[in-house]
Amino acid sequence: MTILAISYHNMGIEEEFMRNYECALDWYEKSVKLLEEHAVNNPKLMMKFQKAYETAKSVRIAFRKDA
């Protein structure tokens, strides 16, 4: 499951780079949920994925204000 979660996270990175913030958030959320649901014991990875998700939410909010 870890590899699939990493793949989801990478999709989020790509979508964020293309400024598709809603889609990026979906991928980041999927990666975090997958790690949580399958009790993957990798705190560093979980922290990194959660941080990316929270950062993407902030960027999306800022992007909406500028639009």
N, C-alpha and C. Protein backbone atom coordinates (compact mmCIF):
# COMPACT_ATOMS: atom_id res chain seq x y z
N MET A 1 0.81 -1.20 0.00
CA MET A 1 0.00 0.00 0.00
C MET A 1 0.85 1.26 0.00
N THR A 2 2.04 1.17 0.54
CA THR A 2 2.91 2.35 0.58
C THR A 2 3.23 2.84 -0.82
N ILE A 3 3.51 1.93 -1.71
CA ILE A 3 3.86 2.33 -3.09
C ILE A 3 2.68 3.01 -3.77
N LEU A 4 1.48 2.50 -3.54
CA LEU A 4 0.30 3.12 -4.12
C LEU A 4 0.08 4.52 -3.53
N ALA A 5 0.28 4.66 -2.23
CA ALA A 5 0.15 5.98 -1.59
C ALA A 5 1.18 6.96 -2.16
N ILE A 6 2.38 6.49 -2.40
CA ILE A 6 3.42 7.35 -2.99
C ILE A 6 3.01 7.74 -4.41
N SER A 7 2.44 6.81 -5.15
CA SER A 7 1.97 7.12 -6.51
C SER A 7 0.89 8.19 -6.48
N TYR A 8 -0.05 8.06 -5.55
CA TYR A 8 -1.09 9.07 -5.40
C TYR A 8 -0.48 10.43 -5.07
N HIS A 9 0.47 10.42 -4.17
CA HIS A 9 1.13 11.67 -3.78
C HIS A 9 1.83 12.30 -4.99
N ASN A 10 2.50 11.48 -5.77
CA ASN A 10 3.18 11.99 -6.97
C ASN A 10 2.19 12.58 -7.97
N MET A 11 1.02 11.97 -8.09
CA MET A 11 0.00 12.54 -8.96
C MET A 11 -0.42 13.92 -8.45
N GLY A 12 -0.52 14.05 -7.14
CA GLY A 12 -0.84 15.35 -6.54
C GLY A 12 0.21 16.40 -6.86
N ILE A 13 1.46 16.00 -6.81
CA ILE A 13 2.56 16.92 -7.14
C ILE A 13 2.42 17.39 -8.58
N GLU A 14 2.16 16.48 -9.48
CA GLU A 14 2.02 16.84 -10.91
C GLU A 14 0.84 17.77 -11.13
N GLU A 15 -0.28 17.47 -10.51
CA GLU A 15 -1.46 18.32 -10.67
C GLU A 15 -1.23 19.71 -10.07
N GLU A 16 -0.56 19.75 -8.93
CA GLU A 16 -0.26 21.05 -8.32
C GLU A 16 0.67 21.86 -9.22
N PHE A 17 1.64 21.21 -9.82
CA PHE A 17 2.56 21.90 -10.73
C PHE A 17 1.80 22.51 -11.91
N MET A 18 0.75 21.81 -12.36
CA MET A 18 -0.05 22.29 -13.48
C MET A 18 -1.17 23.24 -13.01
N ARG A 19 -1.14 23.58 -11.74
CA ARG A 19 -2.10 24.50 -11.11
C ARG A 19 -3.53 23.97 -11.10
N ASN A 20 -3.65 22.66 -11.11
CA ASN A 20 -4.96 22.02 -10.94
C ASN A 20 -5.11 21.68 -9.45
N TYR A 21 -5.35 22.72 -8.66
CA TYR A 21 -5.29 22.59 -7.21
C TYR A 21 -6.36 21.66 -6.64
N GLU A 22 -7.56 21.69 -7.19
CA GLU A 22 -8.61 20.81 -6.70
C GLU A 22 -8.23 19.34 -6.93
N CYS A 23 -7.73 19.06 -8.09
CA CYS A 23 -7.33 17.70 -8.42
C CYS A 23 -6.13 17.27 -7.56
N ALA A 24 -5.21 18.18 -7.37
CA ALA A 24 -4.04 17.89 -6.53
C ALA A 24 -4.48 17.54 -5.12
N LEU A 25 -5.42 18.31 -4.59
CA LEU A 25 -5.94 18.04 -3.25
C LEU A 25 -6.55 16.65 -3.16
N ASP A 26 -7.28 16.27 -4.18
CA ASP A 26 -7.89 14.94 -4.19
C ASP A 26 -6.82 13.85 -4.10
N TRP A 27 -5.76 13.99 -4.88
CA TRP A 27 -4.70 12.98 -4.87
C TRP A 27 -3.97 12.97 -3.53
N TYR A 28 -3.67 14.15 -3.01
CA TYR A 28 -3.00 14.21 -1.70
C TYR A 28 -3.86 13.56 -0.62
N GLU A 29 -5.16 13.86 -0.66
CA GLU A 29 -6.07 13.29 0.33
C GLU A 29 -6.12 11.77 0.22
N LYS A 30 -6.15 11.27 -1.01
CA LYS A 30 -6.16 9.82 -1.22
C LYS A 30 -4.91 9.17 -0.64
N SER A 31 -3.76 9.83 -0.82
CA SER A 31 -2.51 9.25 -0.32
C SER A 31 -2.52 9.18 1.21
N VAL A 32 -3.00 10.23 1.85
CA VAL A 32 -3.04 10.26 3.32
C VAL A 32 -4.03 9.21 3.83
N LYS A 33 -5.21 9.16 3.24
CA LYS A 33 -6.23 8.21 3.68
C LYS A 33 -5.77 6.76 3.51
N LEU A 34 -5.08 6.49 2.42
CA LEU A 34 -4.60 5.14 2.18
C LEU A 34 -3.61 4.72 3.27
N LEU A 35 -2.71 5.60 3.62
CA LEU A 35 -1.76 5.29 4.69
C LEU A 35 -2.48 5.09 6.02
N GLU A 36 -3.46 5.93 6.30
CA GLU A 36 -4.21 5.81 7.55
C GLU A 36 -5.02 4.52 7.60
N GLU A 37 -5.73 4.22 6.53
CA GLU A 37 -6.61 3.05 6.50
C GLU A 37 -5.85 1.73 6.62
N HIS A 38 -4.64 1.72 6.11
CA HIS A 38 -3.88 0.47 6.13
C HIS A 38 -2.80 0.48 7.19
N ALA A 39 -2.89 1.43 8.09
CA ALA A 39 -1.99 1.51 9.24
C ALA A 39 -0.53 1.32 8.84
N VAL A 40 -0.14 2.01 7.80
CA VAL A 40 1.26 1.94 7.36
C VAL A 40 2.12 2.62 8.43
N ASN A 41 3.07 1.91 8.96
CA ASN A 41 3.90 2.41 10.05
C ASN A 41 5.12 3.14 9.48
N ASN A 42 4.88 4.36 9.01
CA ASN A 42 5.96 5.18 8.48
C ASN A 42 5.63 6.64 8.82
N PRO A 43 5.94 7.05 10.06
CA PRO A 43 5.56 8.40 10.51
C PRO A 43 6.13 9.53 9.65
N LYS A 44 7.34 9.37 9.16
CA LYS A 44 7.95 10.42 8.33
C LYS A 44 7.15 10.61 7.04
N LEU A 45 6.80 9.51 6.42
CA LEU A 45 6.05 9.56 5.18
C LEU A 45 4.67 10.18 5.42
N MET A 46 4.02 9.75 6.48
CA MET A 46 2.70 10.30 6.81
C MET A 46 2.79 11.80 7.05
N MET A 47 3.80 12.23 7.79
CA MET A 47 3.96 13.65 8.07
C MET A 47 4.19 14.44 6.78
N LYS A 48 5.00 13.90 5.89
CA LYS A 48 5.28 14.57 4.61
C LYS A 48 4.01 14.69 3.78
N PHE A 49 3.23 13.62 3.71
CA PHE A 49 2.00 13.63 2.92
C PHE A 49 0.97 14.57 3.52
N GLN A 50 0.85 14.56 4.84
CA GLN A 50 -0.10 15.46 5.50
C GLN A 50 0.29 16.92 5.28
N LYS A 51 1.58 17.20 5.33
CA LYS A 51 2.06 18.57 5.12
C LYS A 51 1.75 19.02 3.69
N ALA A 52 1.97 18.16 2.72
CA ALA A 52 1.68 18.49 1.32
C ALA A 52 0.20 18.77 1.15
N TYR A 53 -0.63 17.97 1.80
CA TYR A 53 -2.09 18.15 1.72
C TYR A 53 -2.49 19.50 2.32
N GLU A 54 -1.98 19.82 3.49
CA GLU A 54 -2.32 21.09 4.14
C GLU A 54 -1.80 22.29 3.34
N THR A 55 -0.62 22.18 2.78
CA THR A 55 -0.05 23.25 1.97
C THR A 55 -0.90 23.46 0.72
N ALA A 56 -1.31 22.38 0.09
CA ALA A 56 -2.13 22.48 -1.12
C ALA A 56 -3.47 23.14 -0.80
N LYS A 57 -4.03 22.84 0.38
CA LYS A 57 -5.28 23.50 0.77
C LYS A 57 -5.07 25.00 0.90
N SER A 58 -3.96 25.41 1.49
CA SER A 58 -3.66 26.84 1.64
C SER A 58 -3.48 27.52 0.29
N VAL A 59 -2.78 26.86 -0.61
CA VAL A 59 -2.56 27.41 -1.94
C VAL A 59 -3.88 27.54 -2.68
N ARG A 60 -4.73 26.54 -2.56
CA ARG A 60 -6.04 26.59 -3.22
C ARG A 60 -6.85 27.77 -2.71
N ILE A 61 -6.84 27.99 -1.42
CA ILE A 61 -7.58 29.11 -0.84
C ILE A 61 -7.03 30.43 -1.36
N ALA A 62 -5.71 30.56 -1.38
CA ALA A 62 -5.08 31.78 -1.89
C ALA A 62 -5.38 31.97 -3.37
N PHE A 63 -5.36 30.88 -4.12
CA PHE A 63 -5.62 30.94 -5.56
C PHE A 63 -7.05 31.41 -5.83
N ARG A 64 -7.99 30.91 -5.02
CA ARG A 64 -9.39 31.32 -5.18
C ARG A 64 -9.58 32.81 -4.91
N LYS A 65 -8.85 33.34 -3.94
CA LYS A 65 -8.96 34.75 -3.61
C LYS A 65 -8.44 35.63 -4.73
N ASP A 66 -7.39 35.16 -5.42
CA ASP A 66 -6.79 35.93 -6.52
C ASP A 66 -7.60 35.85 -7.80
N ALA A 67 -8.40 34.81 -7.93
CA ALA A 67 -9.15 34.60 -9.18
C ALA A 67 -10.32 35.54 -9.31
